[in-house]
PDB file of N, CA and C in Angstrom:
ATOM      1  N   MET A   1       0.827  -1.183   0.000  1.00  0.00           N
ATOM      2  CA  MET A   1       0.000   0.000   0.000  1.00  0.00           C
ATOM      3  C   MET A   1       0.866   1.239   0.000  1.00  0.00           C
ATOM      4  N   SER A   2       0.327   2.268  -0.610  1.00  0.00           N
ATOM      5  CA  SER A   2       1.040   3.538  -0.607  1.00  0.00           C
ATOM      6  C   SER A   2       0.828   4.230   0.728  1.00  0.00           C
ATOM      7  N   ASP A   3       1.527   5.331   0.914  1.00  0.00           N
ATOM      8  CA  ASP A   3       1.421   6.070   2.172  1.00  0.00           C
ATOM      9  C   ASP A   3       0.002   6.559   2.453  1.00  0.00           C
ATOM     10  N   ASP A   4      -0.787   6.774   1.409  1.00  0.00           N
ATOM     11  CA  ASP A   4      -2.144   7.280   1.640  1.00  0.00           C
ATOM     12  C   ASP A   4      -3.171   6.158   1.783  1.00  0.00           C
ATOM     13  N   GLY A   5      -2.701   4.891   1.850  1.00  0.00           N
ATOM     14  CA  GLY A   5      -3.597   3.770   2.104  1.00  0.00           C
ATOM     15  C   GLY A   5      -4.195   3.144   0.852  1.00  0.00           C
ATOM     16  N   ARG A   6      -3.834   3.637  -0.320  1.00  0.00           N
ATOM     17  CA  ARG A   6      -4.371   3.058  -1.551  1.00  0.00           C
ATOM     18  C   ARG A   6      -3.506   1.886  -1.997  1.00  0.00           C
ATOM     19  N   ALA A   7      -4.153   0.889  -2.545  1.00  0.00           N
ATOM     20  CA  ALA A   7      -3.414  -0.253  -3.090  1.00  0.00           C
ATOM     21  C   ALA A   7      -2.820   0.147  -4.430  1.00  0.00           C
ATOM     22  N   GLY A   8      -1.617  -0.294  -4.689  1.00  0.00           N
ATOM     23  CA  GLY A   8      -0.933   0.056  -5.932  1.00  0.00           C
ATOM     24  C   GLY A   8      -1.098  -1.005  -6.994  1.00  0.00           C
ATOM     25  N   ALA A   9      -0.074  -1.157  -7.795  1.00  0.00           N
ATOM     26  CA  ALA A   9      -0.112  -2.079  -8.927  1.00  0.00           C
ATOM     27  C   ALA A   9      -0.291  -3.528  -8.498  1.00  0.00           C
ATOM     28  N   ASN A  10       0.040  -3.837  -7.263  1.00  0.00           N
ATOM     29  CA  ASN A  10      -0.081  -5.214  -6.782  1.00  0.00           C
ATOM     30  C   ASN A  10      -1.397  -5.460  -6.063  1.00  0.00           C
ATOM     31  N   ALA A  11      -2.391  -4.627  -6.303  1.00  0.00           N
ATOM     32  CA  ALA A  11      -3.690  -4.779  -5.644  1.00  0.00           C
ATOM     33  C   ALA A  11      -4.321  -6.111  -6.029  1.00  0.00           C
ATOM     34  N   ASP A  12      -5.037  -6.690  -5.109  1.00  0.00           N
ATOM     35  CA  ASP A  12      -5.749  -7.935  -5.342  1.00  0.00           C
ATOM     36  C   ASP A  12      -6.877  -7.670  -6.343  1.00  0.00           C
ATOM     37  N   PRO A  13      -6.861  -8.340  -7.518  1.00  0.00           N
ATOM     38  CA  PRO A  13      -7.905  -8.090  -8.516  1.00  0.00           C
ATOM     39  C   PRO A  13      -9.303  -8.354  -7.981  1.00  0.00           C
ATOM     40  N   LYS A  14      -9.440  -9.348  -7.092  1.00  0.00           N
ATOM     41  CA  LYS A  14     -10.760  -9.648  -6.545  1.00  0.00           C
ATOM     42  C   LYS A  14     -11.293  -8.456  -5.766  1.00  0.00           C
ATOM     43  N   SER A  15     -10.442  -7.810  -4.983  1.00  0.00           N
ATOM     44  CA  SER A  15     -10.919  -6.668  -4.209  1.00  0.00           C
ATOM     45  C   SER A  15     -11.309  -5.519  -5.131  1.00  0.00           C
ATOM     46  N   ILE A  16     -10.617  -5.355  -6.242  1.00  0.00           N
ATOM     47  CA  ILE A  16     -10.980  -4.312  -7.195  1.00  0.00           C
ATOM     48  C   ILE A  16     -12.340  -4.622  -7.803  1.00  0.00           C
ATOM     49  N   VAL A  17     -12.553  -5.875  -8.184  1.00  0.00           N
ATOM     50  CA  VAL A  17     -13.838  -6.284  -8.745  1.00  0.00           C
ATOM     51  C   VAL A  17     -14.949  -6.022  -7.745  1.00  0.00           C
ATOM     52  N   GLU A  18     -14.710  -6.400  -6.493  1.00  0.00           N
ATOM     53  CA  GLU A  18     -15.723  -6.191  -5.461  1.00  0.00           C
ATOM     54  C   GLU A  18     -15.986  -4.707  -5.233  1.00  0.00           C
ATOM     55  N   ARG A  19     -14.942  -3.885  -5.202  1.00  0.00           N
ATOM     56  CA  ARG A  19     -15.106  -2.454  -4.950  1.00  0.00           C
ATOM     57  C   ARG A  19     -15.914  -1.766  -6.039  1.00  0.00           C
ATOM     58  N   PHE A  20     -15.747  -2.194  -7.259  1.00  0.00           N
ATOM     59  CA  PHE A  20     -16.447  -1.541  -8.361  1.00  0.00           C
ATOM     60  C   PHE A  20     -17.721  -2.271  -8.770  1.00  0.00           C
ATOM     61  N   GLY A  21     -18.017  -3.391  -8.133  1.00  0.00           N
ATOM     62  CA  GLY A  21     -19.221  -4.140  -8.475  1.00  0.00           C
ATOM     63  C   GLY A  21     -19.165  -4.712  -9.885  1.00  0.00           C
ATOM     64  N   ALA A  22     -17.985  -4.977 -10.350  1.00  0.00           N
ATOM     65  CA  ALA A  22     -17.809  -5.487 -11.711  1.00  0.00           C
ATOM     66  C   ALA A  22     -17.857  -7.004 -11.721  1.00  0.00           C
ATOM     67  N   SER A  23     -18.015  -7.531 -12.890  1.00  0.00           N
ATOM     68  CA  SER A  23     -17.881  -8.975 -13.050  1.00  0.00           C
ATOM     69  C   SER A  23     -16.834  -9.209 -14.128  1.00  0.00           C
ATOM     70  N   VAL A  24     -16.063 -10.243 -13.941  1.00  0.00           N
ATOM     71  CA  VAL A  24     -15.009 -10.573 -14.889  1.00  0.00           C
ATOM     72  C   VAL A  24     -15.255 -11.988 -15.380  1.00  0.00           C
ATOM     73  N   ASP A  25     -15.342 -12.124 -16.688  1.00  0.00           N
ATOM     74  CA  ASP A  25     -15.550 -13.439 -17.286  1.00  0.00           C
ATOM     75  C   ASP A  25     -14.582 -13.570 -18.455  1.00  0.00           C
ATOM     76  N   ILE A  26     -13.610 -14.428 -18.293  1.00  0.00           N
ATOM     77  CA  ILE A  26     -12.625 -14.642 -19.346  1.00  0.00           C
ATOM     78  C   ILE A  26     -12.840 -16.044 -19.890  1.00  0.00           C
ATOM     79  N   THR A  27     -13.346 -16.100 -21.099  1.00  0.00           N
ATOM     80  CA  THR A  27     -13.558 -17.399 -21.728  1.00  0.00           C
ATOM     81  C   THR A  27     -12.868 -17.398 -23.082  1.00  0.00           C
ATOM     82  N   GLY A  28     -12.362 -18.514 -23.424  1.00  0.00           N
ATOM     83  CA  GLY A  28     -11.719 -18.677 -24.722  1.00  0.00           C
ATOM     84  C   GLY A  28     -12.453 -19.740 -25.507  1.00  0.00           C
ATOM     85  N   PRO A  29     -11.903 -20.126 -26.612  1.00  0.00           N
ATOM     86  CA  PRO A  29     -12.540 -21.175 -27.401  1.00  0.00           C
ATOM     87  C   PRO A  29     -12.484 -22.515 -26.669  1.00  0.00           C
ATOM     88  N   ASP A  30     -13.399 -23.374 -27.014  1.00  0.00           N
ATOM     89  CA  ASP A  30     -13.414 -24.732 -26.464  1.00  0.00           C
ATOM     90  C   ASP A  30     -12.081 -25.393 -26.821  1.00  0.00           C
ATOM     91  N   PRO A  31     -11.319 -25.884 -25.830  1.00  0.00           N
ATOM     92  CA  PRO A  31     -10.012 -26.477 -26.128  1.00  0.00           C
ATOM     93  C   PRO A  31     -10.090 -27.690 -27.053  1.00  0.00           C
ATOM     94  N   ASP A  32     -11.260 -28.333 -27.127  1.00  0.00           N
ATOM     95  CA  ASP A  32     -11.410 -29.501 -27.995  1.00  0.00           C
ATOM     96  C   ASP A  32     -11.865 -29.147 -29.409  1.00  0.00           C
ATOM     97  N   ALA A  33     -12.264 -27.894 -29.633  1.00  0.00           N
ATOM     98  CA  ALA A  33     -12.742 -27.472 -30.953  1.00  0.00           C
ATOM     99  C   ALA A  33     -11.561 -27.257 -31.895  1.00  0.00           C
ATOM    100  N   ASP A  34     -11.701 -27.756 -33.107  1.00  0.00           N
ATOM    101  CA  ASP A  34     -10.648 -27.586 -34.107  1.00  0.00           C
ATOM    102  C   ASP A  34     -10.653 -26.185 -34.695  1.00  0.00           C
ATOM    103  N   GLY A  35      -9.485 -25.768 -35.116  1.00  0.00           N
ATOM    104  CA  GLY A  35      -9.315 -24.507 -35.821  1.00  0.00           C
ATOM    105  C   GLY A  35      -8.101 -24.619 -36.717  1.00  0.00           C
ATOM    106  N   PHE A  36      -7.886 -23.589 -37.514  1.00  0.00           N
ATOM    107  CA  PHE A  36      -6.713 -23.538 -38.385  1.00  0.00           C
ATOM    108  C   PHE A  36      -5.686 -22.619 -37.747  1.00  0.00           C
ATOM    109  N   PHE A  37      -4.424 -23.055 -37.743  1.00  0.00           N
ATOM    110  CA  PHE A  37      -3.364 -22.304 -37.063  1.00  0.00           C
ATOM    111  C   PHE A  37      -2.133 -22.182 -37.955  1.00  0.00           C
ATOM    112  N   PHE A  38      -1.568 -20.985 -37.946  1.00  0.00           N
ATOM    113  CA  PHE A  38      -0.305 -20.685 -38.607  1.00  0.00           C
ATOM    114  C   PHE A  38       0.791 -21.058 -37.618  1.00  0.00           C
ATOM    115  N   VAL A  39       1.734 -21.880 -38.042  1.00  0.00           N
ATOM    116  CA  VAL A  39       2.833 -22.313 -37.182  1.00  0.00           C
ATOM    117  C   VAL A  39       4.138 -21.965 -37.896  1.00  0.00           C
ATOM    118  N   LYS A  40       4.988 -21.203 -37.233  1.00  0.00           N
ATOM    119  CA  LYS A  40       6.249 -20.752 -37.827  1.00  0.00           C
ATOM    120  C   LYS A  40       7.413 -21.339 -37.041  1.00  0.00           C
ATOM    121  N   ARG A  41       8.433 -21.731 -37.764  1.00  0.00           N
ATOM    122  CA  ARG A  41       9.639 -22.256 -37.123  1.00  0.00           C
ATOM    123  C   ARG A  41      10.684 -21.153 -37.022  1.00  0.00           C
ATOM    124  N   PRO A  42      11.606 -21.269 -36.063  1.00  0.00           N
ATOM    125  CA  PRO A  42      12.745 -20.342 -36.041  1.00  0.00           C
ATOM    126  C   PRO A  42      13.613 -20.572 -37.283  1.00  0.00           C
ATOM    127  N   ALA A  43      14.292 -19.551 -37.746  1.00  0.00           N
ATOM    128  CA  ALA A  43      15.125 -19.649 -38.951  1.00  0.00           C
ATOM    129  C   ALA A  43      16.213 -20.715 -38.817  1.00  0.00           C
ATOM    130  N   ALA A  44      16.694 -20.951 -37.610  1.00  0.00           N
ATOM    131  CA  ALA A  44      17.778 -21.913 -37.394  1.00  0.00           C
ATOM    132  C   ALA A  44      17.318 -23.370 -37.468  1.00  0.00           C
ATOM    133  N   VAL A  45      16.015 -23.614 -37.484  1.00  0.00           N
ATOM    134  CA  VAL A  45      15.488 -24.984 -37.494  1.00  0.00           C
ATOM    135  C   VAL A  45      15.297 -25.439 -38.937  1.00  0.00           C
ATOM    136  N   ASP A  46      15.816 -26.622 -39.257  1.00  0.00           N
ATOM    137  CA  ASP A  46      15.672 -27.217 -40.580  1.00  0.00           C
ATOM    138  C   ASP A  46      14.191 -27.452 -40.887  1.00  0.00           C
ATOM    139  N   HIS A  47      13.775 -27.098 -42.103  1.00  0.00           N
ATOM    140  CA  HIS A  47      12.354 -27.203 -42.445  1.00  0.00           C
ATOM    141  C   HIS A  47      11.858 -28.648 -42.426  1.00  0.00           C
ATOM    142  N   ASP A  48      12.635 -29.579 -42.948  1.00  0.00           N
ATOM    143  CA  ASP A  48      12.204 -30.980 -42.953  1.00  0.00           C
ATOM    144  C   ASP A  48      12.040 -31.510 -41.531  1.00  0.00           C
ATOM    145  N   ALA A  49      12.943 -31.147 -40.648  1.00  0.00           N
ATOM    146  CA  ALA A  49      12.825 -31.563 -39.243  1.00  0.00           C
ATOM    147  C   ALA A  49      11.592 -30.926 -38.603  1.00  0.00           C
ATOM    148  N   PHE A  50      11.311 -29.676 -38.941  1.00  0.00           N
ATOM    149  CA  PHE A  50      10.131 -28.969 -38.439  1.00  0.00           C
ATOM    150  C   PHE A  50       8.851 -29.693 -38.860  1.00  0.00           C
ATOM    151  N   VAL A  51       8.742 -30.017 -40.146  1.00  0.00           N
ATOM    152  CA  VAL A  51       7.539 -30.686 -40.651  1.00  0.00           C
ATOM    153  C   VAL A  51       7.404 -32.076 -40.040  1.00  0.00           C
ATOM    154  N   THR A  52       8.503 -32.809 -39.936  1.00  0.00           N
ATOM    155  CA  THR A  52       8.467 -34.145 -39.332  1.00  0.00           C
ATOM    156  C   THR A  52       8.013 -34.069 -37.878  1.00  0.00           C
ATOM    157  N   GLY A  53       8.569 -33.139 -37.122  1.00  0.00           N
ATOM    158  CA  GLY A  53       8.162 -32.959 -35.732  1.00  0.00           C
ATOM    159  C   GLY A  53       6.711 -32.552 -35.611  1.00  0.00           C
ATOM    160  N   LEU A  54       6.285 -31.653 -36.477  1.00  0.00           N
ATOM    161  CA  LEU A  54       4.899 -31.187 -36.460  1.00  0.00           C
ATOM    162  C   LEU A  54       3.936 -32.332 -36.744  1.00  0.00           C
ATOM    163  N   LEU A  55       4.257 -33.150 -37.737  1.00  0.00           N
ATOM    164  CA  LEU A  55       3.414 -34.310 -38.043  1.00  0.00           C
ATOM    165  C   LEU A  55       3.349 -35.272 -36.865  1.00  0.00           C
ATOM    166  N   GLY A  56       4.460 -35.443 -36.166  1.00  0.00           N
ATOM    167  CA  GLY A  56       4.463 -36.315 -34.993  1.00  0.00           C
ATOM    168  C   GLY A  56       3.560 -35.805 -33.889  1.00  0.00           C
ATOM    169  N   VAL A  57       3.469 -34.498 -33.748  1.00  0.00           N
ATOM    170  CA  VAL A  57       2.643 -33.908 -32.688  1.00  0.00           C
ATOM    171  C   VAL A  57       1.172 -33.859 -33.086  1.00  0.00           C
ATOM    172  N   ILE A  58       0.880 -33.483 -34.327  1.00  0.00           N
ATOM    173  CA  ILE A  58      -0.527 -33.331 -34.720  1.00  0.00           C
ATOM    174  C   ILE A  58      -1.185 -34.661 -35.046  1.00  0.00           C
ATOM    175  N   GLY A  59      -0.377 -35.686 -35.342  1.00  0.00           N
ATOM    176  CA  GLY A  59      -0.888 -37.045 -35.402  1.00  0.00           C
ATOM    177  C   GLY A  59      -1.453 -37.544 -36.713  1.00  0.00           C
ATOM    178  N   ALA A  60      -1.648 -36.710 -37.711  1.00  0.00           N
ATOM    179  CA  ALA A  60      -2.198 -37.190 -38.976  1.00  0.00           C
ATOM    180  C   ALA A  60      -1.798 -36.240 -40.098  1.00  0.00           C
ATOM    181  N   THR A  61      -1.451 -36.812 -41.244  1.00  0.00           N
ATOM    182  CA  THR A  61      -1.011 -35.973 -42.358  1.00  0.00           C
ATOM    183  C   THR A  61      -2.119 -35.065 -42.877  1.00  0.00           C
ATOM    184  N   ASP A  62      -3.381 -35.488 -42.738  1.00  0.00           N
ATOM    185  CA  ASP A  62      -4.467 -34.636 -43.241  1.00  0.00           C
ATOM    186  C   ASP A  62      -4.683 -33.391 -42.380  1.00  0.00           C
ATOM    187  N   ARG A  63      -4.031 -33.320 -41.229  1.00  0.00           N
ATOM    188  CA  ARG A  63      -4.128 -32.127 -40.379  1.00  0.00           C
ATOM    189  C   ARG A  63      -3.074 -31.077 -40.752  1.00  0.00           C
ATOM    190  N   LEU A  64      -2.120 -31.470 -41.579  1.00  0.00           N
ATOM    191  CA  LEU A  64      -1.139 -30.523 -42.116  1.00  0.00           C
ATOM    192  C   LEU A  64      -1.712 -30.015 -43.437  1.00  0.00           C
ATOM    193  N   VAL A  65      -2.301 -28.827 -43.406  1.00  0.00           N
ATOM    194  CA  VAL A  65      -2.997 -28.291 -44.576  1.00  0.00           C
ATOM    195  C   VAL A  65      -2.010 -27.884 -45.656  1.00  0.00           C
ATOM    196  N   VAL A  66      -0.978 -27.147 -45.264  1.00  0.00           N
ATOM    197  CA  VAL A  66       0.033 -26.695 -46.214  1.00  0.00           C
ATOM    198  C   VAL A  66       1.283 -26.315 -45.431  1.00  0.00           C
ATOM    199  N   HIS A  67       2.433 -26.427 -46.090  1.00  0.00           N
ATOM    200  CA  HIS A  67       3.667 -25.923 -45.478  1.00  0.00           C
ATOM    201  C   HIS A  67       4.535 -25.360 -46.583  1.00  0.00           C
ATOM    202  N   HIS A  68       5.449 -24.500 -46.202  1.00  0.00           N
ATOM    203  CA  HIS A  68       6.332 -23.866 -47.181  1.00  0.00           C
ATOM    204  C   HIS A  68       7.743 -23.814 -46.617  1.00  0.00           C
ATOM    205  N   ARG A  69       8.710 -24.020 -47.491  1.00  0.00           N
ATOM    206  CA  ARG A  69      10.113 -24.063 -47.063  1.00  0.00           C
ATOM    207  C   ARG A  69      10.591 -22.746 -46.463  1.00  0.00           C
ATOM    208  N   SER A  70       9.853 -21.670 -46.659  1.00  0.00           N
ATOM    209  CA  SER A  70      10.241 -20.397 -46.041  1.00  0.00           C
ATOM    210  C   SER A  70      10.085 -20.446 -44.521  1.00  0.00           C
ATOM    211  N   GLY A  71       9.418 -21.505 -44.019  1.00  0.00           N
ATOM    212  CA  GLY A  71       9.416 -21.705 -42.576  1.00  0.00           C
ATOM    213  C   GLY A  71       8.088 -21.701 -41.871  1.00  0.00           C
ATOM    214  N   PHE A  72       7.011 -22.025 -42.578  1.00  0.00           N
ATOM    215  CA  PHE A  72       5.723 -22.032 -41.893  1.00  0.00           C
ATOM    216  C   PHE A  72       4.872 -23.207 -42.346  1.00  0.00           C
ATOM    217  N   ALA A  73       3.825 -23.440 -41.568  1.00  0.00           N
ATOM    218  CA  ALA A  73       2.821 -24.445 -41.906  1.00  0.00           C
ATOM    219  C   ALA A  73       1.470 -23.928 -41.436  1.00  0.00           C
ATOM    220  N   ILE A  74       0.422 -24.423 -42.063  1.00  0.00           N
ATOM    221  CA  ILE A  74      -0.944 -24.203 -41.588  1.00  0.00           C
ATOM    222  C   ILE A  74      -1.457 -25.582 -41.208  1.00  0.00           C
ATOM    223  N   VAL A  75      -1.944 -25.695 -39.986  1.00  0.00           N
ATOM    224  CA  VAL A  75      -2.433 -26.978 -39.488  1.00  0.00           C
ATOM    225  C   VAL A  75      -3.866 -26.829 -38.989  1.00  0.00           C
ATOM    226  N   ARG A  76      -4.592 -27.943 -38.996  1.00  0.00           N
ATOM    227  CA  ARG A  76      -5.939 -27.991 -38.417  1.00  0.00           C
ATOM    228  C   ARG A  76      -5.849 -28.877 -37.179  1.00  0.00           C
ATOM    229  N   VAL A  77      -5.904 -28.239 -36.018  1.00  0.00           N
ATOM    230  CA  VAL A  77      -5.793 -28.949 -34.741  1.00  0.00           C
ATOM    231  C   VAL A  77      -6.748 -28.314 -33.736  1.00  0.00           C
ATOM    232  N   SER A  78      -6.882 -28.950 -32.592  1.00  0.00           N
ATOM    233  CA  SER A  78      -7.715 -28.378 -31.530  1.00  0.00           C
ATOM    234  C   SER A  78      -7.030 -27.141 -30.951  1.00  0.00           C
ATOM    235  N   HIS A  79      -7.837 -26.265 -30.385  1.00  0.00           N
ATOM    236  CA  HIS A  79      -7.283 -25.066 -29.748  1.00  0.00           C
ATOM    237  C   HIS A  79      -6.343 -25.451 -28.601  1.00  0.00           C
ATOM    238  N   GLY A  80      -6.676 -26.523 -27.895  1.00  0.00           N
ATOM    239  CA  GLY A  80      -5.816 -26.984 -26.802  1.00  0.00           C
ATOM    240  C   GLY A  80      -4.446 -27.424 -27.299  1.00  0.00           C
ATOM    241  N   LEU A  81      -4.429 -28.193 -28.386  1.00  0.00           N
ATOM    242  CA  LEU A  81      -3.152 -28.640 -28.948  1.00  0.00           C
ATOM    243  C   LEU A  81      -2.367 -27.452 -29.497  1.00  0.00           C
ATOM    244  N   ALA A  82      -3.044 -26.506 -30.107  1.00  0.00           N
ATOM    245  CA  ALA A  82      -2.350 -25.318 -30.618  1.00  0.00           C
ATOM    246  C   ALA A  82      -1.636 -24.594 -29.480  1.00  0.00           C
ATOM    247  N   GLY A  83      -2.275 -24.510 -28.342  1.00  0.00           N
ATOM    248  CA  GLY A  83      -1.636 -23.878 -27.188  1.00  0.00           C
ATOM    249  C   GLY A  83      -0.407 -24.637 -26.727  1.00  0.00           C
ATOM    250  N   ARG A  84      -0.472 -25.960 -26.795  1.00  0.00           N
ATOM    251  CA  ARG A  84       0.671 -26.776 -26.370  1.00  0.00           C
ATOM    252  C   ARG A  84       1.827 -26.715 -27.371  1.00  0.00           C
ATOM    253  N   LEU A  85       1.536 -26.434 -28.632  1.00  0.00           N
ATOM    254  CA  LEU A  85       2.605 -26.335 -29.635  1.00  0.00           C
ATOM    255  C   LEU A  85       3.601 -25.238 -29.286  1.00  0.00           C
ATOM    256  N   ARG A  86       3.136 -24.199 -28.609  1.00  0.00           N
ATOM    257  CA  ARG A  86       4.001 -23.064 -28.264  1.00  0.00           C
ATOM    258  C   ARG A  86       5.163 -23.461 -27.353  1.00  0.00           C
ATOM    259  N   ALA A  87       5.063 -24.599 -26.699  1.00  0.00           N
ATOM    260  CA  ALA A  87       6.101 -25.020 -25.751  1.00  0.00           C
ATOM    261  C   ALA A  87       7.330 -25.624 -26.438  1.00  0.00           C
ATOM    262  N   PHE A  88       7.207 -26.007 -27.698  1.00  0.00           N
ATOM    263  CA  PHE A  88       8.321 -26.650 -28.392  1.00  0.00           C
ATOM    264  C   PHE A  88       9.346 -25.612 -28.836  1.00  0.00           C
ATOM    265  N   SER A  89      10.624 -25.905 -28.591  1.00  0.00           N
ATOM    266  CA  SER A  89      11.688 -24.963 -28.954  1.00  0.00           C
ATOM    267  C   SER A  89      11.839 -24.816 -30.467  1.00  0.00           C
ATOM    268  N   TRP A  90      11.381 -25.791 -31.229  1.00  0.00           N
ATOM    269  CA  TRP A  90      11.488 -25.732 -32.688  1.00  0.00           C
ATOM    270  C   TRP A  90      10.278 -25.057 -33.330  1.00  0.00           C
ATOM    271  N   ILE A  91       9.424 -24.475 -32.495  1.00  0.00           N
ATOM    272  CA  ILE A  91       8.290 -23.683 -32.978  1.00  0.00           C
ATOM    273  C   ILE A  91       8.435 -22.279 -32.416  1.00  0.00           C
ATOM    274  N   ASP A  92       8.369 -21.300 -33.309  1.00  0.00           N
ATOM    275  CA  ASP A  92       8.559 -19.905 -32.935  1.00  0.00           C
ATOM    276  C   ASP A  92       7.236 -19.199 -32.660  1.00  0.00           C
ATOM    277  N   THR A  93       6.229 -19.447 -33.496  1.00  0.00           N
ATOM    278  CA  THR A  93       4.964 -18.728 -33.422  1.00  0.00           C
ATOM    279  C   THR A  93       3.815 -19.667 -33.735  1.00  0.00           C
ATOM    280  N   VAL A  94       2.708 -19.513 -33.010  1.00  0.00           N
ATOM    281  CA  VAL A  94       1.465 -20.220 -33.312  1.00  0.00           C
ATOM    282  C   VAL A  94       0.346 -19.194 -33.212  1.00  0.00           C
ATOM    283  N   GLY A  95      -0.457 -19.098 -34.254  1.00  0.00           N
ATOM    284  CA  GLY A  95      -1.564 -18.148 -34.226  1.00  0.00           C
ATOM    285  C   GLY A  95      -2.726 -18.641 -35.062  1.00  0.00           C
ATOM    286  N   ALA A  96      -3.924 -18.371 -34.586  1.00  0.00           N
ATOM    287  CA  ALA A  96      -5.127 -18.784 -35.307  1.00  0.00           C
ATOM    288  C   ALA A  96      -5.260 -17.993 -36.604  1.00  0.00           C
ATOM    289  N   VAL A  97      -5.744 -18.653 -37.628  1.00  0.00           N
ATOM    290  CA  VAL A  97      -6.021 -18.000 -38.907  1.00  0.00           C
ATOM    291  C   VAL A  97      -7.433 -18.351 -39.346  1.00  0.00           C
ATOM    292  N   GLN A  98      -8.010 -17.453 -40.107  1.00  0.00           N
ATOM    293  CA  GLN A  98      -9.329 -17.719 -40.677  1.00  0.00           C
ATOM    294  C   GLN A  98      -9.232 -17.555 -42.185  1.00  0.00           C
ATOM    295  N   PHE A  99      -9.797 -18.488 -42.896  1.00  0.00           N
ATOM    296  CA  PHE A  99      -9.849 -18.402 -44.348  1.00  0.00           C
ATOM    297  C   PHE A  99     -11.005 -19.252 -44.827  1.00  0.00           C
ATOM    298  N   ASP A 100     -11.363 -19.087 -46.077  1.00  0.00           N
ATOM    299  CA  ASP A 100     -12.453 -19.847 -46.675  1.00  0.00           C
ATOM    300  C   ASP A 100     -11.881 -21.164 -47.205  1.00  0.00           C
ATOM    301  N   PRO A 101     -12.153 -22.278 -46.528  1.00  0.00           N
ATOM    302  CA  PRO A 101     -11.574 -23.562 -46.951  1.00  0.00           C
ATOM    303  C   PRO A 101     -11.971 -23.969 -48.369  1.00  0.00           C
ATOM    304  N   THR A 102     -13.186 -23.617 -48.786  1.00  0.00           N
ATOM    305  CA  THR A 102     -13.635 -23.975 -50.133  1.00  0.00           C
ATOM    306  C   THR A 102     -12.823 -23.229 -51.185  1.00  0.00           C
ATOM    307  N   GLN A 103     -12.621 -21.936 -50.960  1.00  0.00           N
ATOM    308  CA  GLN A 103     -11.826 -21.143 -51.896  1.00  0.00           C
ATOM    309  C   GLN A 103     -10.368 -21.605 -51.890  1.00  0.00           C
ATOM    310  N   PHE A 104      -9.847 -21.915 -50.703  1.00  0.00           N
ATOM    311  CA  PHE A 104      -8.472 -22.407 -50.595  1.00  0.00           C
ATOM    312  C   PHE A 104      -8.308 -23.690 -51.399  1.00  0.00           C
ATOM    313  N   ALA A 105      -9.254 -24.622 -51.258  1.00  0.00           N
ATOM    314  CA  ALA A 105      -9.191 -25.892 -51.983  1.00  0.00           C
ATOM    315  C   ALA A 105      -9.282 -25.664 -53.489  1.00  0.00           C
ATOM    316  N   ALA A 106     -10.116 -24.713 -53.906  1.00  0.00           N
ATOM    317  CA  ALA A 106     -10.264 -24.432 -55.335  1.00  0.00           C
ATOM    318  C   ALA A 106      -8.968 -23.884 -55.932  1.00  0.00           C
ATOM    319  N   VAL A 107      -8.266 -23.058 -55.173  1.00  0.00           N
ATOM    320  CA  VAL A 107      -7.038 -22.437 -55.668  1.00  0.00           C
ATOM    321  C   VAL A 107      -5.859 -23.405 -55.619  1.00  0.00           C
ATOM    322  N   THR A 108      -5.752 -24.159 -54.526  1.00  0.00           N
ATOM    323  CA  THR A 108      -4.574 -25.008 -54.320  1.00  0.00           C
ATOM    324  C   THR A 108      -4.771 -26.456 -54.743  1.00  0.00           C
ATOM    325  N   GLY A 109      -6.019 -26.890 -54.831  1.00  0.00           N
ATOM    326  CA  GLY A 109      -6.290 -28.291 -55.116  1.00  0.00           C
ATOM    327  C   GLY A 109      -6.175 -29.170 -53.885  1.00  0.00           C
ATOM    328  N   ALA A 110      -5.878 -28.551 -52.729  1.00  0.00           N
ATOM    329  CA  ALA A 110      -5.746 -29.305 -51.475  1.00  0.00           C
ATOM    330  C   ALA A 110      -7.117 -29.438 -50.823  1.00  0.00           C
ATOM    331  N   PRO A 111      -7.543 -30.661 -50.535  1.00  0.00           N
ATOM    332  CA  PRO A 111      -8.835 -30.819 -49.861  1.00  0.00           C
ATOM    333  C   PRO A 111      -8.762 -30.326 -48.416  1.00  0.00           C
ATOM    334  N   VAL A 112      -9.724 -29.520 -48.035  1.00  0.00           N
ATOM    335  CA  VAL A 112      -9.804 -29.009 -46.670  1.00  0.00           C
ATOM    336  C   VAL A 112     -11.221 -29.237 -46.192  1.00  0.00           C
ATOM    337  N   GLU A 113     -11.356 -29.945 -45.085  1.00  0.00           N
ATOM    338  CA  GLU A 113     -12.697 -30.216 -44.556  1.00  0.00           C
ATOM    339  C   GLU A 113     -13.181 -29.071 -43.725  1.00  0.00           C
TER     340      GLU A 113
END
């Protein structure tokens, strides 16, 4: 507490919620729901090793939508698994993407469910 009795940056969030009569609800996507995710490797990681490791984690080749030697892949996995991908040292970035799967399939010839 500061000299004047006010709580500073380390104030208990619950007490702030109670003082202001606010409600806090933080919800994310269902961890079991599938989505499409952009996965990028660090530049120092070999692309073939990255794709092999990614396939081992996601469990099926049809979940690897596309990959490019410049260092990225698009995968279809659960939100929970996407969160766990961030823990691997050979993965630099994981982020959700949205696109029209029908248009993507028409342009690339890759089937996307």
